[in-house]
């Protein structure tokens, strides 16, 4: 699994002005989709299950506004639905799931310790640590979390994934084992 920041700036296309927040609201809140150009960085690397945070760029923005799990790789939308978007007709579509819109935008300046820095292009990889920090996790240098009980997760699914992925690092106060059924499912 990889982690990304998808960036959007204010746009002026086809004689229309759209501020970055409008584009985010229309695509992510309204449609649970995102768009990538054919030359967007990381276009060929992203996979279903990867995690993303959305960042509004520009001097009046510089805020994180939400997160999601990628449901698809980028693909050409042949349904014609893309014509109604604020996107170029040649934009590739990415379907999203588990969309979380932050109740308040999170200014980048509040995350001075992030390894990630905004760059040109609509996508950049980030570390799991940066992803969890942006979502509100308590992160340390030794591991993703110092105290799991103090951590907030936007969705229970993220908490479950975190616990399974970090099982050996968490001190539960007693010896516990992860349940695994005959089909390999854990819980």
N, C-alpha and C. Protein backbone atom coordinates (compact mmCIF):
# COMPACT_ATOMS: atom_id res chain seq x y z
N UNK A 1 0.84 -1.17 0.00
CA UNK A 1 0.00 0.00 0.00
C UNK A 1 0.89 1.24 0.00
N UNK A 2 0.50 2.22 -0.80
CA UNK A 2 1.21 3.49 -0.87
C UNK A 2 0.31 4.61 -0.39
N UNK A 3 0.94 5.73 -0.07
CA UNK A 3 0.24 6.90 0.43
C UNK A 3 0.59 8.09 -0.46
N UNK A 4 -0.40 8.93 -0.75
CA UNK A 4 -0.20 10.04 -1.67
C UNK A 4 -0.88 11.30 -1.16
N UNK A 5 -0.40 12.42 -1.69
CA UNK A 5 -1.11 13.69 -1.59
C UNK A 5 -1.55 14.03 -3.00
N UNK A 6 -2.85 14.23 -3.20
CA UNK A 6 -3.38 14.70 -4.47
C UNK A 6 -3.64 16.19 -4.29
N UNK A 7 -3.09 16.99 -5.19
CA UNK A 7 -3.16 18.44 -5.08
C UNK A 7 -4.10 19.01 -6.14
N UNK A 8 -4.77 20.09 -5.75
CA UNK A 8 -5.61 20.80 -6.70
C UNK A 8 -5.45 22.30 -6.47
N UNK A 9 -5.36 23.02 -7.57
CA UNK A 9 -5.20 24.47 -7.53
C UNK A 9 -6.45 25.12 -8.11
N UNK A 10 -6.56 26.43 -7.92
CA UNK A 10 -7.61 27.17 -8.60
C UNK A 10 -7.42 26.96 -10.10
N UNK A 11 -8.53 26.87 -10.83
CA UNK A 11 -8.46 26.55 -12.25
C UNK A 11 -9.20 27.58 -13.09
N UNK A 12 -8.67 27.81 -14.26
CA UNK A 12 -9.30 28.67 -15.25
C UNK A 12 -9.23 27.94 -16.58
N UNK A 13 -10.34 27.30 -16.95
CA UNK A 13 -10.37 26.54 -18.20
C UNK A 13 -11.68 26.81 -18.93
N UNK A 14 -11.57 26.84 -20.22
CA UNK A 14 -12.74 27.01 -21.08
C UNK A 14 -13.56 28.24 -20.68
N UNK A 15 -12.85 29.30 -20.24
CA UNK A 15 -13.53 30.54 -19.87
C UNK A 15 -14.21 30.50 -18.52
N UNK A 16 -14.00 29.44 -17.75
CA UNK A 16 -14.63 29.32 -16.43
C UNK A 16 -13.57 29.36 -15.34
N UNK A 17 -13.88 30.06 -14.26
CA UNK A 17 -13.02 30.10 -13.09
C UNK A 17 -13.60 29.14 -12.05
N UNK A 18 -12.76 28.30 -11.49
CA UNK A 18 -13.16 27.39 -10.41
C UNK A 18 -12.08 27.47 -9.34
N UNK A 19 -12.50 27.76 -8.11
CA UNK A 19 -11.52 27.74 -7.04
C UNK A 19 -11.29 26.28 -6.63
N UNK A 20 -10.13 26.03 -6.05
CA UNK A 20 -9.74 24.66 -5.70
C UNK A 20 -10.77 23.98 -4.82
N UNK A 21 -11.34 24.70 -3.87
CA UNK A 21 -12.34 24.11 -2.97
C UNK A 21 -13.56 23.64 -3.74
N UNK A 22 -13.98 24.40 -4.75
CA UNK A 22 -15.12 23.99 -5.58
C UNK A 22 -14.82 22.70 -6.33
N UNK A 23 -13.62 22.59 -6.86
CA UNK A 23 -13.24 21.39 -7.60
C UNK A 23 -13.25 20.19 -6.66
N UNK A 24 -12.63 20.34 -5.48
CA UNK A 24 -12.64 19.26 -4.48
C UNK A 24 -14.07 18.88 -4.10
N UNK A 25 -14.90 19.87 -3.78
CA UNK A 25 -16.28 19.58 -3.37
C UNK A 25 -17.05 18.85 -4.46
N UNK A 26 -16.91 19.30 -5.69
CA UNK A 26 -17.64 18.69 -6.79
C UNK A 26 -17.21 17.25 -7.03
N UNK A 27 -15.89 17.04 -7.10
CA UNK A 27 -15.38 15.70 -7.43
C UNK A 27 -15.44 14.74 -6.25
N UNK A 28 -14.87 15.12 -5.13
CA UNK A 28 -14.72 14.20 -4.00
C UNK A 28 -16.02 14.09 -3.21
N UNK A 29 -16.57 15.22 -2.79
CA UNK A 29 -17.82 15.17 -2.02
C UNK A 29 -19.00 14.72 -2.89
N UNK A 30 -19.07 15.26 -4.08
CA UNK A 30 -20.23 15.01 -4.92
C UNK A 30 -20.20 13.72 -5.70
N UNK A 31 -19.02 13.31 -6.17
CA UNK A 31 -18.94 12.16 -7.08
C UNK A 31 -18.08 11.00 -6.55
N UNK A 32 -17.30 11.21 -5.50
CA UNK A 32 -16.33 10.21 -4.99
C UNK A 32 -15.39 9.76 -6.11
N UNK A 33 -14.86 10.75 -6.84
CA UNK A 33 -13.90 10.49 -7.91
C UNK A 33 -12.79 11.54 -7.86
N UNK A 34 -11.74 11.27 -8.59
CA UNK A 34 -10.67 12.23 -8.78
C UNK A 34 -10.22 12.13 -10.22
N UNK A 35 -9.54 13.14 -10.72
CA UNK A 35 -9.07 13.13 -12.09
C UNK A 35 -7.57 13.29 -12.17
N UNK A 36 -6.96 12.56 -13.08
CA UNK A 36 -5.52 12.64 -13.33
C UNK A 36 -5.32 12.92 -14.80
N UNK A 37 -4.37 13.80 -15.10
CA UNK A 37 -3.96 13.99 -16.48
C UNK A 37 -3.06 12.85 -16.92
N UNK A 38 -2.87 12.70 -18.20
CA UNK A 38 -2.04 11.62 -18.73
C UNK A 38 -0.57 11.75 -18.32
N UNK A 39 -0.15 12.93 -17.88
CA UNK A 39 1.24 13.13 -17.47
C UNK A 39 1.39 13.38 -15.97
N UNK A 40 0.36 13.15 -15.20
CA UNK A 40 0.43 13.38 -13.76
C UNK A 40 1.42 12.42 -13.12
N UNK A 41 2.30 12.93 -12.24
CA UNK A 41 3.24 12.04 -11.55
C UNK A 41 2.51 10.93 -10.79
N UNK A 42 3.09 9.77 -10.77
CA UNK A 42 2.59 8.58 -10.05
C UNK A 42 1.36 7.95 -10.70
N UNK A 43 0.97 8.43 -11.86
CA UNK A 43 -0.25 7.92 -12.51
C UNK A 43 -0.21 6.41 -12.69
N UNK A 44 0.94 5.87 -13.07
CA UNK A 44 1.02 4.44 -13.34
C UNK A 44 1.27 3.62 -12.08
N UNK A 45 1.65 4.28 -10.98
CA UNK A 45 2.00 3.56 -9.76
C UNK A 45 0.81 3.31 -8.84
N UNK A 46 -0.20 4.16 -8.90
CA UNK A 46 -1.28 4.03 -7.91
C UNK A 46 -2.11 2.78 -8.16
N UNK A 47 -2.58 2.21 -7.05
CA UNK A 47 -3.33 0.96 -7.08
C UNK A 47 -4.55 1.06 -6.17
N UNK A 48 -5.56 0.25 -6.42
CA UNK A 48 -6.69 0.19 -5.49
C UNK A 48 -6.17 -0.17 -4.09
N UNK A 49 -6.73 0.49 -3.09
CA UNK A 49 -6.31 0.28 -1.71
C UNK A 49 -5.31 1.29 -1.22
N UNK A 50 -4.65 2.01 -2.14
CA UNK A 50 -3.73 3.07 -1.72
C UNK A 50 -4.54 4.16 -1.03
N UNK A 51 -3.89 4.90 -0.15
CA UNK A 51 -4.53 5.97 0.62
C UNK A 51 -4.07 7.33 0.10
N UNK A 52 -4.95 8.32 0.21
CA UNK A 52 -4.64 9.65 -0.30
C UNK A 52 -5.22 10.71 0.63
N UNK A 53 -4.48 11.83 0.73
CA UNK A 53 -5.03 13.03 1.34
C UNK A 53 -5.10 14.09 0.25
N UNK A 54 -6.07 14.98 0.36
CA UNK A 54 -6.28 16.01 -0.65
C UNK A 54 -5.79 17.35 -0.11
N UNK A 55 -5.04 18.05 -0.96
CA UNK A 55 -4.38 19.30 -0.57
C UNK A 55 -4.73 20.39 -1.58
N UNK A 56 -5.23 21.52 -1.08
CA UNK A 56 -5.54 22.66 -1.93
C UNK A 56 -4.31 23.56 -1.97
N UNK A 57 -3.78 23.82 -3.17
CA UNK A 57 -2.56 24.61 -3.31
C UNK A 57 -2.91 26.07 -3.55
N UNK A 58 -1.88 26.87 -3.67
CA UNK A 58 -2.05 28.29 -3.98
C UNK A 58 -1.93 29.16 -2.75
N UNK A 59 -1.68 30.45 -2.96
CA UNK A 59 -1.43 31.36 -1.84
C UNK A 59 -2.62 31.52 -0.89
N UNK A 60 -3.83 31.33 -1.38
CA UNK A 60 -5.01 31.48 -0.52
C UNK A 60 -5.48 30.16 0.09
N UNK A 61 -4.76 29.09 -0.14
CA UNK A 61 -5.18 27.78 0.33
C UNK A 61 -4.13 27.17 1.24
N UNK A 62 -3.35 26.23 0.71
CA UNK A 62 -2.33 25.49 1.45
C UNK A 62 -2.94 24.78 2.66
N UNK A 63 -4.00 24.01 2.37
CA UNK A 63 -4.70 23.27 3.42
C UNK A 63 -5.01 21.85 2.95
N UNK A 64 -5.04 20.92 3.92
CA UNK A 64 -5.51 19.57 3.68
C UNK A 64 -7.00 19.57 3.97
N UNK A 65 -7.80 18.95 3.08
CA UNK A 65 -9.25 19.04 3.22
C UNK A 65 -9.96 17.69 3.34
N UNK A 66 -9.26 16.59 3.10
CA UNK A 66 -9.92 15.29 3.19
C UNK A 66 -8.97 14.16 2.88
N UNK A 67 -9.53 12.94 2.95
CA UNK A 67 -8.75 11.73 2.68
C UNK A 67 -9.68 10.69 2.06
N UNK A 68 -9.08 9.69 1.44
CA UNK A 68 -9.88 8.61 0.83
C UNK A 68 -8.98 7.42 0.54
N UNK A 69 -9.63 6.32 0.20
CA UNK A 69 -8.95 5.13 -0.29
C UNK A 69 -9.23 5.05 -1.78
N UNK A 70 -8.22 4.71 -2.57
CA UNK A 70 -8.41 4.58 -4.01
C UNK A 70 -9.14 3.27 -4.31
N UNK A 71 -10.21 3.37 -5.05
CA UNK A 71 -11.00 2.19 -5.42
C UNK A 71 -10.57 1.63 -6.77
N UNK A 72 -9.91 2.47 -7.58
CA UNK A 72 -9.51 2.04 -8.92
C UNK A 72 -8.17 2.65 -9.28
N UNK A 73 -7.58 2.13 -10.34
CA UNK A 73 -6.45 2.79 -10.96
C UNK A 73 -7.03 3.86 -11.90
N UNK A 74 -6.22 4.78 -12.40
CA UNK A 74 -6.74 5.76 -13.36
C UNK A 74 -7.20 5.07 -14.65
N UNK A 75 -8.36 5.46 -15.14
CA UNK A 75 -8.86 4.86 -16.38
C UNK A 75 -9.64 5.89 -17.18
N UNK A 76 -9.76 5.63 -18.47
CA UNK A 76 -10.54 6.50 -19.33
C UNK A 76 -12.01 6.22 -19.11
N UNK A 77 -12.76 7.26 -18.80
CA UNK A 77 -14.18 7.12 -18.54
C UNK A 77 -14.94 7.19 -19.86
N UNK A 78 -15.40 6.06 -20.33
CA UNK A 78 -16.10 6.00 -21.62
C UNK A 78 -17.61 6.19 -21.46
N UNK A 79 -18.07 6.40 -20.22
CA UNK A 79 -19.50 6.56 -19.98
C UNK A 79 -20.02 7.93 -20.40
N UNK A 80 -19.11 8.89 -20.57
CA UNK A 80 -19.53 10.25 -20.92
C UNK A 80 -19.78 11.12 -19.71
N UNK A 81 -19.76 10.53 -18.51
CA UNK A 81 -20.02 11.29 -17.29
C UNK A 81 -18.97 12.38 -17.08
N UNK A 82 -17.76 12.16 -17.52
CA UNK A 82 -16.67 13.12 -17.30
C UNK A 82 -16.92 14.45 -17.99
N UNK A 83 -17.77 14.47 -19.00
CA UNK A 83 -18.08 15.71 -19.70
C UNK A 83 -18.69 16.73 -18.75
N UNK A 84 -19.35 16.27 -17.68
CA UNK A 84 -20.02 17.16 -16.75
C UNK A 84 -19.09 17.67 -15.65
N UNK A 85 -17.89 17.15 -15.59
CA UNK A 85 -16.96 17.54 -14.53
C UNK A 85 -16.29 18.85 -14.86
N UNK A 86 -15.53 19.36 -13.88
CA UNK A 86 -14.71 20.54 -14.10
C UNK A 86 -13.37 20.12 -14.67
N UNK A 87 -13.33 19.04 -15.41
CA UNK A 87 -12.08 18.45 -15.87
C UNK A 87 -11.98 18.49 -17.39
N UNK A 88 -10.77 18.36 -17.87
CA UNK A 88 -10.56 18.22 -19.30
C UNK A 88 -11.20 16.92 -19.77
N UNK A 89 -11.68 16.87 -21.00
CA UNK A 89 -12.25 15.62 -21.51
C UNK A 89 -11.25 14.47 -21.53
N UNK A 90 -9.97 14.78 -21.58
CA UNK A 90 -8.95 13.74 -21.65
C UNK A 90 -8.41 13.35 -20.27
N UNK A 91 -9.09 13.76 -19.21
CA UNK A 91 -8.66 13.42 -17.86
C UNK A 91 -9.03 11.98 -17.54
N UNK A 92 -8.11 11.30 -16.88
CA UNK A 92 -8.37 9.94 -16.42
C UNK A 92 -9.14 9.98 -15.11
N UNK A 93 -10.03 9.05 -14.92
CA UNK A 93 -10.87 9.00 -13.73
C UNK A 93 -10.28 8.00 -12.73
N UNK A 94 -10.36 8.35 -11.45
CA UNK A 94 -10.00 7.46 -10.36
C UNK A 94 -11.19 7.42 -9.41
N UNK A 95 -11.73 6.25 -9.16
CA UNK A 95 -12.84 6.11 -8.23
C UNK A 95 -12.31 6.04 -6.80
N UNK A 96 -13.06 6.63 -5.88
CA UNK A 96 -12.67 6.69 -4.47
C UNK A 96 -13.68 5.97 -3.59
N UNK A 97 -13.22 5.52 -2.43
CA UNK A 97 -14.11 4.97 -1.41
C UNK A 97 -13.62 5.43 -0.05
N UNK A 98 -14.43 5.22 0.97
CA UNK A 98 -14.09 5.62 2.34
C UNK A 98 -13.65 7.08 2.38
N UNK A 99 -14.39 7.94 1.70
CA UNK A 99 -14.06 9.36 1.62
C UNK A 99 -14.34 10.02 2.98
N UNK A 100 -13.36 10.80 3.43
CA UNK A 100 -13.49 11.58 4.65
C UNK A 100 -13.22 13.03 4.29
N UNK A 101 -14.16 13.92 4.59
CA UNK A 101 -13.96 15.35 4.40
C UNK A 101 -13.75 15.93 5.79
N UNK A 102 -12.61 16.58 6.00
CA UNK A 102 -12.32 17.15 7.31
C UNK A 102 -13.34 18.22 7.66
N UNK A 103 -13.77 18.25 8.91
CA UNK A 103 -14.77 19.24 9.33
C UNK A 103 -14.22 20.66 9.19
N UNK A 104 -12.93 20.82 9.38
CA UNK A 104 -12.25 22.10 9.16
C UNK A 104 -10.99 21.81 8.34
N UNK A 105 -10.67 22.65 7.36
CA UNK A 105 -9.41 22.45 6.63
C UNK A 105 -8.23 22.49 7.61
N UNK A 106 -7.19 21.70 7.30
CA UNK A 106 -6.01 21.62 8.16
C UNK A 106 -4.86 22.35 7.47
N UNK A 107 -4.50 23.54 7.97
CA UNK A 107 -3.43 24.31 7.33
C UNK A 107 -2.09 23.59 7.34
N UNK A 108 -1.40 23.64 6.24
CA UNK A 108 -0.10 23.00 6.11
C UNK A 108 0.88 23.48 7.17
N UNK A 109 0.80 24.75 7.54
CA UNK A 109 1.74 25.31 8.52
C UNK A 109 1.62 24.63 9.89
N UNK A 110 0.53 23.93 10.16
CA UNK A 110 0.38 23.20 11.42
C UNK A 110 1.13 21.88 11.41
N UNK A 111 1.71 21.51 10.26
CA UNK A 111 2.42 20.24 10.12
C UNK A 111 3.87 20.49 9.73
N UNK A 112 4.59 21.20 10.57
CA UNK A 112 5.97 21.57 10.28
C UNK A 112 6.89 20.34 10.18
N UNK A 113 6.52 19.24 10.81
CA UNK A 113 7.40 18.06 10.84
C UNK A 113 7.16 17.09 9.68
N UNK A 114 6.31 17.43 8.75
CA UNK A 114 6.09 16.53 7.62
C UNK A 114 7.34 16.43 6.76
N UNK A 115 7.60 15.22 6.27
CA UNK A 115 8.68 15.03 5.30
C UNK A 115 8.24 15.55 3.93
N UNK A 116 6.95 15.51 3.65
CA UNK A 116 6.39 15.92 2.37
C UNK A 116 6.45 17.43 2.20
N UNK A 117 6.77 17.86 1.01
CA UNK A 117 6.74 19.27 0.63
C UNK A 117 5.95 19.39 -0.66
N UNK A 118 5.08 20.41 -0.78
CA UNK A 118 4.34 20.58 -2.02
C UNK A 118 5.28 20.71 -3.21
N UNK A 119 4.86 20.15 -4.33
CA UNK A 119 5.67 20.19 -5.55
C UNK A 119 4.76 20.38 -6.75
N UNK A 120 5.37 20.67 -7.88
CA UNK A 120 4.60 20.78 -9.13
C UNK A 120 4.01 19.43 -9.48
N UNK A 121 2.85 19.44 -10.06
CA UNK A 121 2.20 18.19 -10.45
C UNK A 121 1.05 17.91 -9.51
N UNK A 122 0.19 17.05 -9.90
CA UNK A 122 -1.02 16.80 -9.13
C UNK A 122 -0.93 15.71 -8.10
N UNK A 123 0.22 15.06 -7.97
CA UNK A 123 0.33 13.93 -7.05
C UNK A 123 1.75 13.76 -6.56
N UNK A 124 1.88 13.41 -5.30
CA UNK A 124 3.19 13.06 -4.78
C UNK A 124 3.05 12.01 -3.70
N UNK A 125 4.05 11.12 -3.62
CA UNK A 125 4.05 10.08 -2.60
C UNK A 125 4.41 10.68 -1.26
N UNK A 126 3.83 10.12 -0.20
CA UNK A 126 4.20 10.52 1.16
C UNK A 126 4.39 9.25 1.98
N UNK A 127 4.98 9.40 3.13
CA UNK A 127 5.19 8.26 4.02
C UNK A 127 3.91 7.95 4.79
N UNK A 128 3.83 6.73 5.30
CA UNK A 128 2.71 6.37 6.16
C UNK A 128 2.67 7.29 7.37
N UNK A 129 3.84 7.62 7.90
CA UNK A 129 3.93 8.51 9.06
C UNK A 129 3.29 9.87 8.75
N UNK A 130 3.62 10.46 7.60
CA UNK A 130 3.01 11.74 7.22
C UNK A 130 1.50 11.60 7.03
N UNK A 131 1.08 10.51 6.39
CA UNK A 131 -0.35 10.28 6.19
C UNK A 131 -1.09 10.24 7.52
N UNK A 132 -0.57 9.45 8.46
CA UNK A 132 -1.21 9.32 9.77
C UNK A 132 -1.17 10.63 10.54
N UNK A 133 -0.09 11.38 10.41
CA UNK A 133 0.01 12.68 11.08
C UNK A 133 -1.07 13.62 10.58
N UNK A 134 -1.26 13.68 9.29
CA UNK A 134 -2.29 14.56 8.71
C UNK A 134 -3.68 14.14 9.18
N UNK A 135 -3.90 12.83 9.32
CA UNK A 135 -5.21 12.36 9.80
C UNK A 135 -5.42 12.60 11.28
N UNK A 136 -4.34 12.93 12.02
CA UNK A 136 -4.49 13.24 13.43
C UNK A 136 -3.91 12.21 14.37
N UNK A 137 -3.09 11.29 13.88
CA UNK A 137 -2.48 10.26 14.72
C UNK A 137 -1.32 10.84 15.52
N UNK A 138 -1.06 10.28 16.67
CA UNK A 138 0.12 10.63 17.46
C UNK A 138 1.27 9.76 16.94
N UNK A 139 2.25 10.37 16.31
CA UNK A 139 3.31 9.63 15.65
C UNK A 139 4.65 9.91 16.32
N UNK A 140 5.49 8.86 16.44
CA UNK A 140 6.83 9.02 17.00
C UNK A 140 7.86 8.58 15.97
N UNK A 141 9.14 8.81 16.26
CA UNK A 141 10.21 8.39 15.37
C UNK A 141 10.37 6.88 15.34
N UNK A 142 10.04 6.19 16.44
CA UNK A 142 10.21 4.74 16.52
C UNK A 142 9.12 3.97 15.79
N UNK A 143 7.97 4.54 15.68
CA UNK A 143 6.86 3.83 15.07
C UNK A 143 5.71 4.77 14.83
N UNK A 144 4.66 4.27 14.21
CA UNK A 144 3.55 5.15 13.86
C UNK A 144 2.82 5.77 15.03
N UNK A 145 2.77 5.10 16.19
CA UNK A 145 1.94 5.62 17.26
C UNK A 145 2.62 5.44 18.60
N UNK A 146 2.56 6.47 19.44
CA UNK A 146 3.11 6.34 20.78
C UNK A 146 2.08 5.80 21.75
N UNK A 147 0.85 6.24 21.64
CA UNK A 147 -0.21 5.79 22.54
C UNK A 147 -1.49 5.58 21.74
N UNK A 148 -1.82 4.33 21.36
CA UNK A 148 -2.99 4.10 20.52
C UNK A 148 -4.28 4.63 21.13
N UNK A 149 -4.40 4.64 22.47
CA UNK A 149 -5.65 5.07 23.07
C UNK A 149 -5.90 6.57 22.87
N UNK A 150 -4.85 7.34 22.54
CA UNK A 150 -5.02 8.76 22.33
C UNK A 150 -5.25 9.12 20.87
N UNK A 151 -5.24 8.14 20.00
CA UNK A 151 -5.31 8.39 18.59
C UNK A 151 -6.76 8.41 18.11
N UNK A 152 -7.05 9.29 17.16
CA UNK A 152 -8.36 9.33 16.55
C UNK A 152 -8.24 8.87 15.11
N UNK A 153 -9.19 8.06 14.67
CA UNK A 153 -9.20 7.59 13.29
C UNK A 153 -10.48 8.06 12.64
N UNK A 154 -10.35 8.53 11.42
CA UNK A 154 -11.51 9.04 10.69
C UNK A 154 -12.52 7.92 10.44
N UNK A 155 -12.06 6.72 10.19
CA UNK A 155 -12.94 5.58 9.95
C UNK A 155 -12.44 4.39 10.74
N UNK A 156 -13.37 3.58 11.23
CA UNK A 156 -13.00 2.38 11.98
C UNK A 156 -12.11 1.46 11.15
N UNK A 157 -12.34 1.43 9.85
CA UNK A 157 -11.54 0.59 8.95
C UNK A 157 -10.05 0.93 9.05
N UNK A 158 -9.71 2.24 9.14
CA UNK A 158 -8.32 2.66 9.28
C UNK A 158 -7.73 2.17 10.59
N UNK A 159 -8.53 2.23 11.66
CA UNK A 159 -8.08 1.75 12.96
C UNK A 159 -7.78 0.26 12.90
N UNK A 160 -8.69 -0.52 12.32
CA UNK A 160 -8.50 -1.96 12.20
C UNK A 160 -7.23 -2.28 11.41
N UNK A 161 -7.03 -1.61 10.27
CA UNK A 161 -5.84 -1.84 9.47
C UNK A 161 -4.57 -1.48 10.24
N UNK A 162 -4.64 -0.37 10.98
CA UNK A 162 -3.48 0.06 11.74
C UNK A 162 -3.12 -0.97 12.81
N UNK A 163 -4.11 -1.46 13.55
CA UNK A 163 -3.84 -2.43 14.61
C UNK A 163 -3.21 -3.70 14.04
N UNK A 164 -3.77 -4.23 12.96
CA UNK A 164 -3.22 -5.45 12.36
C UNK A 164 -1.81 -5.21 11.84
N UNK A 165 -1.59 -4.08 11.14
CA UNK A 165 -0.27 -3.78 10.56
C UNK A 165 0.79 -3.53 11.63
N UNK A 166 0.40 -3.08 12.82
CA UNK A 166 1.35 -2.70 13.86
C UNK A 166 1.22 -3.57 15.10
N UNK A 167 0.67 -4.76 14.96
CA UNK A 167 0.40 -5.67 16.08
C UNK A 167 1.60 -5.84 17.00
N UNK A 168 2.77 -6.09 16.45
CA UNK A 168 3.96 -6.37 17.26
C UNK A 168 4.46 -5.13 18.01
N UNK A 169 4.09 -3.94 17.57
CA UNK A 169 4.57 -2.69 18.19
C UNK A 169 3.66 -2.20 19.31
N UNK A 170 2.46 -2.74 19.43
CA UNK A 170 1.48 -2.23 20.40
C UNK A 170 1.56 -3.04 21.68
N UNK A 171 1.64 -2.33 22.81
CA UNK A 171 1.63 -2.97 24.13
C UNK A 171 0.19 -2.97 24.64
N UNK A 172 -0.46 -4.12 24.58
CA UNK A 172 -1.84 -4.25 25.02
C UNK A 172 -1.94 -4.50 26.53
N UNK A 173 -0.81 -4.69 27.19
CA UNK A 173 -0.81 -4.97 28.62
C UNK A 173 -0.95 -6.44 28.96
N UNK A 174 -1.21 -7.25 27.97
CA UNK A 174 -1.27 -8.71 28.13
C UNK A 174 -1.05 -9.34 26.77
N UNK A 175 -0.80 -10.65 26.76
CA UNK A 175 -0.53 -11.35 25.50
C UNK A 175 -1.85 -11.61 24.76
N UNK A 176 -1.96 -11.07 23.59
CA UNK A 176 -3.14 -11.27 22.74
C UNK A 176 -2.70 -11.84 21.41
N UNK A 177 -3.61 -12.53 20.75
CA UNK A 177 -3.33 -13.07 19.42
C UNK A 177 -4.42 -12.61 18.46
N UNK A 178 -4.01 -12.41 17.23
CA UNK A 178 -4.98 -12.04 16.19
C UNK A 178 -5.71 -13.32 15.76
N UNK A 179 -7.03 -13.25 15.72
CA UNK A 179 -7.84 -14.38 15.26
C UNK A 179 -7.69 -14.50 13.75
N UNK A 180 -7.58 -15.72 13.26
CA UNK A 180 -7.54 -15.97 11.82
C UNK A 180 -8.42 -17.18 11.53
N UNK A 181 -9.39 -17.01 10.63
CA UNK A 181 -10.28 -18.12 10.29
C UNK A 181 -9.67 -19.01 9.21
N UNK A 182 -10.40 -20.04 8.82
CA UNK A 182 -9.87 -21.01 7.86
C UNK A 182 -9.62 -20.42 6.48
N UNK A 183 -10.22 -19.26 6.18
CA UNK A 183 -10.02 -18.61 4.89
C UNK A 183 -8.90 -17.57 4.92
N UNK A 184 -8.24 -17.43 6.07
CA UNK A 184 -7.15 -16.46 6.18
C UNK A 184 -7.58 -15.08 6.59
N UNK A 185 -8.87 -14.87 6.87
CA UNK A 185 -9.35 -13.56 7.31
C UNK A 185 -8.93 -13.33 8.76
N UNK A 186 -8.48 -12.12 9.07
CA UNK A 186 -8.06 -11.81 10.42
C UNK A 186 -9.06 -10.88 11.08
N UNK A 187 -9.06 -10.90 12.40
CA UNK A 187 -9.97 -10.03 13.15
C UNK A 187 -9.69 -10.10 14.62
